[in-house]
């Protein structure tokens, strides 16, 4: 049985936890995520350690790169507890 701290992290208790979880699921380092977002790895580290937040206008880009919903990034989602659970449904092309 996992302890509560592990469970809270996997549920993404904080914004930083959710960014770290999504990044690690993709197998990316902070530096790799930073390059994809065209920012410094220090900014990613700051977010993941809950020492700051990105500008509101930047959230859509973060969500797109991490393939997550804004709702998950901002509020968390208990369904994400399942390992590898999709956080954003793919919309079929018409």
Protein backbone atom coordinates (compact mmCIF):
# COMPACT_ATOMS: atom_id res chain seq x y z
CA UNK A 1 0.00 0.00 0.00
CA UNK A 2 1.34 3.42 -0.93
CA UNK A 3 1.57 6.02 1.81
CA UNK A 4 -0.62 9.09 1.68
CA UNK A 5 2.24 11.36 0.58
CA UNK A 6 2.85 9.21 -2.51
CA UNK A 7 -0.88 9.18 -3.29
CA UNK A 8 -1.17 12.96 -2.87
CA UNK A 9 1.76 13.46 -5.26
CA UNK A 10 0.24 11.14 -7.87
CA UNK A 11 -3.06 13.03 -7.63
CA UNK A 12 -1.16 16.26 -8.18
CA UNK A 13 -1.86 18.05 -4.94
CA UNK A 14 -0.16 21.24 -6.14
CA UNK A 15 0.38 22.85 -9.53
CA UNK A 16 4.06 21.94 -9.25
CA UNK A 17 3.22 18.30 -8.52
CA UNK A 18 0.99 18.16 -11.59
CA UNK A 19 3.67 19.64 -13.87
CA UNK A 20 6.27 17.21 -12.48
CA UNK A 21 3.93 14.24 -12.87
CA UNK A 22 3.03 15.06 -16.48
CA UNK A 23 6.66 15.74 -17.39
CA UNK A 24 7.88 12.52 -15.80
CA UNK A 25 5.16 10.47 -17.54
CA UNK A 26 6.61 11.68 -20.82
CA UNK A 27 10.11 10.78 -19.68
CA UNK A 28 11.32 14.35 -20.07
CA UNK A 29 13.83 16.24 -17.97
CA UNK A 30 13.10 19.77 -16.80
CA UNK A 31 15.51 20.96 -19.48
CA UNK A 32 13.64 19.05 -22.22
CA UNK A 33 10.30 20.51 -21.13
CA UNK A 34 11.84 23.98 -20.97
CA UNK A 35 13.14 23.67 -24.55
CA UNK A 36 9.70 22.64 -25.79
CA UNK A 37 8.17 25.66 -24.04
CA UNK A 38 11.00 28.00 -25.13
CA UNK A 39 11.79 29.00 -21.54
CA UNK A 40 14.58 28.33 -19.05
CA UNK A 41 14.83 25.12 -17.06
CA UNK A 42 15.00 27.34 -13.97
CA UNK A 43 11.40 28.42 -14.64
CA UNK A 44 10.26 24.79 -14.81
CA UNK A 45 12.13 24.02 -11.59
CA UNK A 46 10.53 27.03 -9.91
CA UNK A 47 7.04 25.83 -10.87
CA UNK A 48 7.68 22.22 -9.85
CA UNK A 49 8.98 23.33 -6.45
CA UNK A 50 5.97 25.63 -5.96
CA UNK A 51 8.17 28.73 -5.80
CA UNK A 52 6.21 30.47 -8.52
CA UNK A 53 3.59 30.09 -11.21
CA UNK A 54 3.62 30.75 -14.95
CA UNK A 55 1.77 33.71 -16.41
CA UNK A 56 -1.88 32.93 -17.01
CA UNK A 57 -1.49 33.48 -20.75
CA UNK A 58 1.17 30.76 -20.87
CA UNK A 59 -1.05 28.02 -19.39
CA UNK A 60 -2.54 26.96 -22.75
CA UNK A 61 0.92 26.34 -24.19
CA UNK A 62 1.90 24.28 -21.13
CA UNK A 63 -1.31 22.26 -21.39
CA UNK A 64 -0.75 21.64 -25.10
CA UNK A 65 2.87 20.56 -24.70
CA UNK A 66 2.04 18.26 -21.77
CA UNK A 67 -1.20 17.04 -23.44
CA UNK A 68 -3.28 17.91 -20.40
CA UNK A 69 -6.43 19.87 -19.80
CA UNK A 70 -6.39 23.30 -18.20
CA UNK A 71 -8.78 21.91 -15.62
CA UNK A 72 -6.21 19.27 -14.62
CA UNK A 73 -3.34 21.77 -14.51
CA UNK A 74 -5.27 24.21 -12.36
CA UNK A 75 -7.40 21.97 -10.14
CA UNK A 76 -6.13 18.40 -10.44
CA UNK A 77 -8.20 15.36 -11.35
CA UNK A 78 -8.58 12.22 -9.22
CA UNK A 79 -8.94 10.04 -12.36
CA UNK A 80 -5.28 10.81 -13.07
CA UNK A 81 -4.37 8.53 -10.17
CA UNK A 82 -4.38 5.56 -12.54
CA UNK A 83 -0.91 5.22 -14.01
CA UNK A 84 -0.90 6.49 -17.56
CA UNK A 85 -4.51 7.66 -17.47
CA UNK A 86 -5.13 10.01 -20.39
CA UNK A 87 -5.66 13.54 -19.20
CA UNK A 88 -6.96 14.93 -22.47
CA UNK A 89 -9.08 12.98 -24.90
CA UNK A 90 -7.93 12.94 -28.47
CA UNK A 91 -10.46 14.55 -30.77
CA UNK A 92 -10.77 12.63 -34.04
CA UNK A 93 -10.10 14.64 -37.19
CA UNK A 94 -13.15 15.18 -39.34
